[in-house]
Amino acid sequence: MDKRLMAILVCPANKTPLHYDEAKQELISLSAGLAYPIRDAIPILLVNEARQLSLEEAETYRKHTQASA
């Protein structure tokens, strides 16, 4: 995902930053607990298309994000 694009994309549910999961091709909103799909290199930033993160997934992403900061 282009770093310039990531700098301007926010979660449509609460306007917080998103985190890119390259392996799953998703944009993650930790504060909303949602994962937005990326299809054919296009982020699908629709709340009704996002999947709910499990508690375990959210915790894993939080730890990874804190370690990267």
C-alpha atoms as a PDB file:
ATOM      1  CA  MET A   1       0.000   0.000   0.000  1.00  0.00           C
ATOM      2  CA  ASP A   2       1.307   3.429  -0.935  1.00  0.00           C
ATOM      3  CA  LYS A   3       2.577   5.310   2.138  1.00  0.00           C
ATOM      4  CA  ARG A   4       1.123   8.591   0.857  1.00  0.00           C
ATOM      5  CA  LEU A   5      -2.296   6.972   0.547  1.00  0.00           C
ATOM      6  CA  MET A   6      -2.030   5.453   4.025  1.00  0.00           C
ATOM      7  CA  ALA A   7      -1.234   8.902   5.423  1.00  0.00           C
ATOM      8  CA  ILE A   8      -4.613  10.259   4.306  1.00  0.00           C
ATOM      9  CA  LEU A   9      -6.915   7.246   4.728  1.00  0.00           C
ATOM     10  CA  VAL A  10      -8.974   7.080   7.919  1.00  0.00           C
ATOM     11  CA  CYS A  11     -11.633   4.767   9.262  1.00  0.00           C
ATOM     12  CA  PRO A  12     -15.013   5.903   7.919  1.00  0.00           C
ATOM     13  CA  ALA A  13     -16.697   4.849  11.173  1.00  0.00           C
ATOM     14  CA  ASN A  14     -14.681   7.099  13.509  1.00  0.00           C
ATOM     15  CA  LYS A  15     -12.048   8.981  11.445  1.00  0.00           C
ATOM     16  CA  THR A  16      -9.045   7.345  13.154  1.00  0.00           C
ATOM     17  CA  PRO A  17      -5.882   6.088  11.391  1.00  0.00           C
ATOM     18  CA  LEU A  18      -5.851   2.709   9.666  1.00  0.00           C
ATOM     19  CA  HIS A  19      -3.124   0.053   9.751  1.00  0.00           C
ATOM     20  CA  TYR A  20      -2.233  -2.030   6.716  1.00  0.00           C
ATOM     21  CA  ASP A  21      -2.156  -5.825   7.023  1.00  0.00           C
ATOM     22  CA  GLU A  22      -0.304  -6.922   3.902  1.00  0.00           C
ATOM     23  CA  ALA A  23      -0.786 -10.647   4.511  1.00  0.00           C
ATOM     24  CA  LYS A  24      -4.577 -10.394   4.775  1.00  0.00           C
ATOM     25  CA  GLN A  25      -4.938  -7.452   2.370  1.00  0.00           C
ATOM     26  CA  GLU A  26      -6.958  -5.465   4.882  1.00  0.00           C
ATOM     27  CA  LEU A  27      -6.920  -2.043   6.481  1.00  0.00           C
ATOM     28  CA  ILE A  28      -7.356  -2.328  10.229  1.00  0.00           C
ATOM     29  CA  SER A  29      -9.153   0.128  12.489  1.00  0.00           C
ATOM     30  CA  LEU A  30      -8.204  -0.763  16.047  1.00  0.00           C
ATOM     31  CA  SER A  31     -10.479   1.817  17.620  1.00  0.00           C
ATOM     32  CA  ALA A  32     -13.539   0.594  15.678  1.00  0.00           C
ATOM     33  CA  GLY A  33     -12.497  -3.064  15.788  1.00  0.00           C
ATOM     34  CA  LEU A  34     -12.996  -3.404  12.027  1.00  0.00           C
ATOM     35  CA  ALA A  35     -10.995  -4.793   9.106  1.00  0.00           C
ATOM     36  CA  TYR A  36     -11.689  -3.242   5.706  1.00  0.00           C
ATOM     37  CA  PRO A  37     -10.907  -5.415   2.675  1.00  0.00           C
ATOM     38  CA  ILE A  38      -8.609  -4.434  -0.174  1.00  0.00           C
ATOM     39  CA  ARG A  39      -9.824  -5.844  -3.484  1.00  0.00           C
ATOM     40  CA  ASP A  40      -7.820  -5.512  -6.699  1.00  0.00           C
ATOM     41  CA  ALA A  41      -5.584  -2.938  -4.949  1.00  0.00           C
ATOM     42  CA  ILE A  42      -8.630  -0.806  -4.010  1.00  0.00           C
ATOM     43  CA  PRO A  43      -9.472  -0.228  -0.337  1.00  0.00           C
ATOM     44  CA  ILE A  44     -13.174  -0.852   0.289  1.00  0.00           C
ATOM     45  CA  LEU A  45     -13.875   1.667   3.036  1.00  0.00           C
ATOM     46  CA  LEU A  46     -17.516   0.851   3.625  1.00  0.00           C
ATOM     47  CA  VAL A  47     -18.548  -0.082   7.147  1.00  0.00           C
ATOM     48  CA  ASN A  48     -21.015  -2.676   5.869  1.00  0.00           C
ATOM     49  CA  GLU A  49     -18.182  -4.382   3.917  1.00  0.00           C
ATOM     50  CA  ALA A  50     -15.810  -4.497   6.921  1.00  0.00           C
ATOM     51  CA  ARG A  51     -15.521  -7.504   9.157  1.00  0.00           C
ATOM     52  CA  GLN A  52     -15.473  -7.355  12.932  1.00  0.00           C
ATOM     53  CA  LEU A  53     -12.089  -8.118  14.500  1.00  0.00           C
ATOM     54  CA  SER A  54     -12.038 -10.824  17.145  1.00  0.00           C
ATOM     55  CA  LEU A  55     -10.675  -9.853  20.555  1.00  0.00           C
ATOM     56  CA  GLU A  56      -7.569 -11.943  19.876  1.00  0.00           C
ATOM     57  CA  GLU A  57      -6.947 -10.258  16.510  1.00  0.00           C
ATOM     58  CA  ALA A  58      -7.394  -6.789  17.980  1.00  0.00           C
ATOM     59  CA  GLU A  59      -4.935  -7.537  20.777  1.00  0.00           C
ATOM     60  CA  THR A  60      -2.385  -8.927  18.309  1.00  0.00           C
ATOM     61  CA  TYR A  61      -2.659  -5.798  16.131  1.00  0.00           C
ATOM     62  CA  ARG A  62      -2.362  -3.535  19.193  1.00  0.00           C
ATOM     63  CA  LYS A  63       0.832  -5.276  20.314  1.00  0.00           C
ATOM     64  CA  HIS A  64       2.282  -5.128  16.813  1.00  0.00           C
ATOM     65  CA  THR A  65       1.400  -1.447  16.456  1.00  0.00           C
ATOM     66  CA  GLN A  66       2.934  -0.579  19.839  1.00  0.00           C
ATOM     67  CA  ALA A  67       6.125  -2.465  18.965  1.00  0.00           C
ATOM     68  CA  SER A  68       6.395  -0.583  15.654  1.00  0.00           C
ATOM     69  CA  ALA A  69       5.981   2.846  17.297  1.00  0.00           C
END
